Amino acid sequence: MLAAVPSLVDDAYGEMLLRLGLAMFAGGAIGLERSYHGRPAGFRTHTLVCLSTALLMLITVYEDYWVPASSRANVTLDPTRMSQGIMTGIGFLGAGAILKEGLTVRGLTTAASIWMTAAIGILAGIGFYFPGMVATIATLGTLTFFRWIETRIPMQFYAHFVVRFAREQVLPESDLRALVSVHDFTIAHLNYRLDAREGFFEYRMVIRSSRASNVRTLTETLKQLPSVLQFRISPTGD
């Protein structure tokens, strides 16, 4: 081990700096992409996650610095337990990045990027430079290039649709389905809500279309209906 040879102590410290520096670079690069797209867990969060995981893994890699030589015969150290504990803790941080806005869940991609950043930090901490750099490039490619692909391939557009009517002016379900169909939407998971105290009736559903631009025309039509008290269209996805 490097620590067992006094003349190589400086080399060990240099290796530690290299690993921590690589972790900061990888986490920062991924975090910048998240910050650029306005995500709450961005540049500093990803940098700290990657740096902290690398730092914790150094504890196991350089165990000779803190475990007395006389104790090594009686103590069995398992570096994999540290990585297991790290990933368990990162799960709580990732859960905090997931936000529920009404019927829409957002932040899943950011949570996944935090998880990936922690894994890259572990790789950097134990000195797996090549897979760490490959993972960094692959993660950035997934977050950027795959986004570009998503905007160019034909995909179904899904949204949560809530529309509220005055109780005495409720649009019949058949008319509502016809209205949605005219704008090239199909309905799934239709739910109903009646509030006698507030005096309104509400439809809740998931709508689907081959083009996201159809939302604009549906919105304009709903705005012109005097019986509509309130409506909301929330696209699904991250």
Protein backbone atom coordinates (compact mmCIF):
# COMPACT_ATOMS: atom_id res chain seq x y z
CA MET A 1 0.00 0.00 0.00
CA LEU A 2 1.11 3.56 -0.70
CA ALA A 3 0.70 4.62 2.91
CA ALA A 4 3.05 1.86 4.09
CA VAL A 5 6.01 3.51 2.36
CA PRO A 6 6.86 6.95 3.80
CA SER A 7 8.61 8.09 0.61
CA LEU A 8 5.39 7.64 -1.35
CA VAL A 9 3.10 9.62 0.97
CA ASP A 10 3.18 12.64 -1.32
CA ASP A 11 2.20 10.43 -4.25
CA ALA A 12 -0.77 9.14 -2.24
CA TYR A 13 -1.93 12.66 -1.49
CA GLY A 14 -1.57 13.55 -5.15
CA GLU A 15 -3.69 10.54 -6.07
CA MET A 16 -6.34 11.63 -3.58
CA LEU A 17 -6.41 15.11 -5.10
CA LEU A 18 -6.71 13.63 -8.58
CA ARG A 19 -9.67 11.47 -7.58
CA LEU A 20 -11.45 14.28 -5.78
CA GLY A 21 -10.77 16.64 -8.67
CA LEU A 22 -12.22 14.17 -11.16
CA ALA A 23 -15.30 13.79 -8.96
CA MET A 24 -15.77 17.57 -8.83
CA PHE A 25 -15.41 17.85 -12.60
CA ALA A 26 -17.85 15.02 -13.35
CA GLY A 27 -20.47 16.19 -10.85
CA GLY A 28 -20.13 19.79 -11.95
CA ALA A 29 -20.51 18.92 -15.63
CA ILE A 30 -23.71 16.96 -15.01
CA GLY A 31 -24.98 19.63 -12.63
CA LEU A 32 -24.45 22.39 -15.20
CA GLU A 33 -26.76 20.57 -17.60
CA ARG A 34 -29.43 20.36 -14.91
CA SER A 35 -29.00 24.03 -13.95
CA TYR A 36 -29.21 25.08 -17.60
CA HIS A 37 -32.67 23.52 -17.79
CA GLY A 38 -33.82 25.18 -14.58
CA ARG A 39 -33.83 22.16 -12.29
CA PRO A 40 -33.68 22.82 -8.53
CA ALA A 41 -30.91 20.23 -8.01
CA GLY A 42 -28.25 21.66 -10.28
CA PHE A 43 -24.59 22.63 -10.42
CA ARG A 44 -23.68 22.80 -6.74
CA THR A 45 -25.89 19.88 -5.68
CA HIS A 46 -24.44 17.45 -8.21
CA THR A 47 -20.89 18.63 -7.52
CA LEU A 48 -21.28 18.07 -3.78
CA VAL A 49 -22.92 14.67 -4.28
CA CYS A 50 -20.12 13.42 -6.51
CA LEU A 51 -17.39 14.90 -4.32
CA SER A 52 -18.85 13.53 -1.10
CA THR A 53 -19.22 10.00 -2.44
CA ALA A 54 -15.65 10.04 -3.73
CA LEU A 55 -14.47 11.33 -0.37
CA LEU A 56 -16.27 8.57 1.51
CA MET A 57 -14.81 5.90 -0.76
CA LEU A 58 -11.31 7.20 -0.02
CA ILE A 59 -11.91 6.08 3.56
CA THR A 60 -12.03 2.48 2.39
CA VAL A 61 -9.32 2.77 -0.26
CA TYR A 62 -6.80 4.33 2.11
CA GLU A 63 -7.73 2.36 5.20
CA ASP A 64 -4.05 2.07 6.19
CA TYR A 65 -4.15 5.75 7.19
CA TRP A 66 -6.70 5.25 9.94
CA VAL A 67 -6.68 1.53 10.86
CA PRO A 68 -3.74 0.65 13.15
CA ALA A 69 -1.50 -2.09 11.80
CA SER A 70 -1.96 -4.07 15.01
CA SER A 71 -5.73 -4.23 14.44
CA ARG A 72 -5.77 -5.42 10.84
CA ALA A 73 -5.37 -9.08 11.79
CA ASN A 74 -8.58 -8.95 13.81
CA VAL A 75 -10.62 -6.55 11.67
CA THR A 76 -12.15 -7.33 8.27
CA LEU A 77 -12.96 -4.23 6.22
CA ASP A 78 -15.49 -4.48 3.42
CA PRO A 79 -15.34 -1.51 1.01
CA THR A 80 -18.60 -2.54 -0.67
CA ARG A 81 -20.56 -1.77 2.50
CA MET A 82 -19.58 1.88 2.20
CA SER A 83 -20.90 2.08 -1.36
CA GLN A 84 -24.13 0.38 -0.29
CA GLY A 85 -24.62 2.91 2.48
CA ILE A 86 -23.90 5.78 0.09
CA MET A 87 -26.48 4.67 -2.47
CA THR A 88 -29.08 4.18 0.25
CA GLY A 89 -28.55 7.72 1.48
CA ILE A 90 -28.60 9.14 -2.04
CA GLY A 91 -32.04 7.60 -2.45
CA PHE A 92 -33.42 10.08 0.09
CA LEU A 93 -31.78 13.01 -1.72
CA GLY A 94 -33.18 11.83 -5.02
CA ALA A 95 -36.65 11.52 -3.52
CA GLY A 96 -36.42 15.16 -2.46
CA ALA A 97 -35.83 16.17 -6.08
CA ILE A 98 -39.10 14.58 -7.20
CA LEU A 99 -41.93 17.10 -7.13
CA LYS A 100 -45.66 16.49 -7.47
CA GLU A 101 -47.42 19.43 -9.07
CA GLY A 102 -51.11 18.66 -9.05
CA LEU A 103 -51.47 15.45 -11.05
CA THR A 104 -48.05 15.77 -12.65
CA VAL A 105 -44.86 14.26 -11.25
CA ARG A 106 -41.62 16.03 -12.15
CA GLY A 107 -37.97 15.63 -11.22
CA LEU A 108 -37.55 11.94 -12.03
CA THR A 109 -34.71 12.64 -14.47
CA THR A 110 -32.97 14.88 -11.95
CA ALA A 111 -33.32 12.18 -9.29
CA ALA A 112 -31.82 9.65 -11.69
CA SER A 113 -28.94 12.03 -12.49
CA ILE A 114 -28.23 12.45 -8.76
CA TRP A 115 -28.13 8.67 -8.40
CA MET A 116 -25.77 8.42 -11.39
CA THR A 117 -23.58 11.21 -10.06
CA ALA A 118 -23.19 9.32 -6.79
CA ALA A 119 -22.12 6.21 -8.69
CA ILE A 120 -19.56 8.23 -10.64
CA GLY A 121 -18.25 9.64 -7.37
CA ILE A 122 -17.76 6.12 -6.05
CA LEU A 123 -15.83 5.18 -9.20
CA ALA A 124 -13.65 8.26 -8.84
CA GLY A 125 -13.07 7.57 -5.16
CA ILE A 126 -11.72 4.07 -5.73
CA GLY A 127 -9.64 5.14 -8.73
CA PHE A 128 -11.67 3.63 -11.58
CA TYR A 129 -10.86 6.53 -13.90
CA PHE A 130 -11.82 4.99 -17.21
CA PRO A 131 -15.32 3.77 -16.28
CA GLY A 132 -15.83 7.02 -14.36
CA MET A 133 -15.09 9.15 -17.43
CA VAL A 134 -17.17 6.86 -19.66
CA ALA A 135 -20.07 7.12 -17.21
CA THR A 136 -19.76 10.93 -17.14
CA ILE A 137 -19.80 11.18 -20.92
CA ALA A 138 -22.67 8.69 -21.16
CA THR A 139 -24.70 10.61 -18.58
CA LEU A 140 -24.17 13.96 -20.31
CA GLY A 141 -25.02 12.33 -23.63
CA THR A 142 -28.23 10.91 -22.20
CA LEU A 143 -29.30 14.25 -20.72
CA THR A 144 -28.49 16.31 -23.83
CA PHE A 145 -28.41 14.18 -26.98
CA PHE A 146 -31.36 12.04 -25.94
CA ARG A 147 -33.35 15.23 -25.29
CA TRP A 148 -32.58 16.26 -28.88
CA ILE A 149 -33.78 12.85 -30.09
CA GLU A 150 -37.01 13.13 -28.09
CA THR A 151 -37.88 16.42 -29.80
CA ARG A 152 -37.48 14.90 -33.26
CA ILE A 153 -39.04 11.47 -33.10
CA PRO A 154 -42.82 11.05 -33.25
CA MET A 155 -44.17 10.54 -29.75
CA GLN A 156 -47.61 10.52 -28.20
CA PHE A 157 -48.41 13.58 -26.09
CA TYR A 158 -50.08 12.86 -22.75
CA ALA A 159 -51.57 15.36 -20.31
CA HIS A 160 -53.77 15.48 -17.23
CA PHE A 161 -56.90 17.44 -18.04
CA VAL A 162 -59.22 18.91 -15.42
CA VAL A 163 -62.23 21.01 -16.38
CA ARG A 164 -64.79 22.49 -13.97
CA PHE A 165 -68.33 23.63 -14.74
CA ALA A 166 -71.04 25.38 -12.78
CA ARG A 167 -73.39 22.71 -11.42
CA GLU A 168 -76.37 23.98 -13.38
CA GLN A 169 -74.35 24.32 -16.61
CA VAL A 170 -72.48 21.02 -16.78
CA LEU A 171 -71.41 20.01 -20.27
CA PRO A 172 -72.71 16.46 -20.89
CA GLU A 173 -70.08 13.79 -21.07
CA SER A 174 -70.93 12.97 -24.67
CA ASP A 175 -70.41 16.63 -25.66
CA LEU A 176 -67.15 16.76 -23.73
CA ARG A 177 -65.85 13.67 -25.52
CA ALA A 178 -66.87 15.17 -28.86
CA LEU A 179 -65.11 18.43 -27.99
CA VAL A 180 -61.90 16.64 -27.09
CA SER A 181 -62.12 14.40 -30.14
CA VAL A 182 -62.49 17.37 -32.49
CA HIS A 183 -59.08 18.57 -31.29
CA ASP A 184 -57.56 15.16 -32.02
CA PHE A 185 -57.43 13.96 -28.41
CA THR A 186 -58.56 10.68 -26.91
CA ILE A 187 -59.69 10.28 -23.30
CA ALA A 188 -58.55 7.75 -20.70
CA HIS A 189 -59.18 7.36 -16.96
CA LEU A 190 -62.19 9.68 -16.84
CA ASN A 191 -63.22 10.66 -13.30
CA TYR A 192 -66.07 12.81 -11.96
CA ARG A 193 -66.34 15.13 -9.00
CA LEU A 194 -69.38 16.97 -7.66
CA ASP A 195 -69.07 19.59 -4.93
CA ALA A 196 -72.55 20.62 -3.81
CA ARG A 197 -71.21 23.15 -1.29
CA GLU A 198 -69.13 25.05 -3.83
CA GLY A 199 -71.64 24.40 -6.61
CA PHE A 200 -69.44 22.91 -9.31
CA PHE A 201 -69.00 19.68 -11.28
CA GLU A 202 -65.58 18.56 -12.43
CA TYR A 203 -64.20 16.14 -15.00
CA ARG A 204 -60.70 14.70 -14.52
CA MET A 205 -59.00 12.62 -17.20
CA VAL A 206 -55.83 11.80 -19.11
CA ILE A 207 -55.85 12.98 -22.71
CA ARG A 208 -53.60 11.80 -25.53
CA SER A 209 -52.74 13.21 -28.94
CA SER A 210 -50.17 12.69 -31.65
CA ARG A 211 -49.23 16.39 -31.54
CA ALA A 212 -48.57 18.59 -28.51
CA SER A 213 -49.64 21.67 -30.51
CA ASN A 214 -53.26 20.50 -30.26
CA VAL A 215 -53.27 21.74 -26.67
CA ARG A 216 -53.25 25.31 -27.89
CA THR A 217 -56.42 24.95 -29.95
CA LEU A 218 -58.18 23.02 -27.20
CA THR A 219 -57.30 25.77 -24.75
CA GLU A 220 -58.69 28.47 -27.01
CA THR A 221 -61.96 26.57 -27.38
CA LEU A 222 -62.34 26.08 -23.63
CA LYS A 223 -61.69 29.77 -22.99
CA GLN A 224 -64.68 30.65 -25.17
CA LEU A 225 -67.13 28.40 -23.29
CA PRO A 226 -69.04 30.54 -20.74
CA SER A 227 -69.99 27.47 -18.69
CA VAL A 228 -66.34 26.62 -17.95
CA LEU A 229 -65.37 27.95 -14.53
CA GLN A 230 -61.83 26.62 -14.55
CA PHE A 231 -59.62 24.18 -16.43
CA ARG A 232 -56.08 22.88 -16.29
CA ILE A 233 -53.97 20.91 -18.78
CA SER A 234 -50.75 19.52 -17.27
CA PRO A 235 -48.38 17.62 -19.59
CA THR A 236 -46.96 14.44 -18.13
CA GLY A 237 -43.26 13.69 -18.13
CA ASP A 238 -40.18 15.21 -16.53
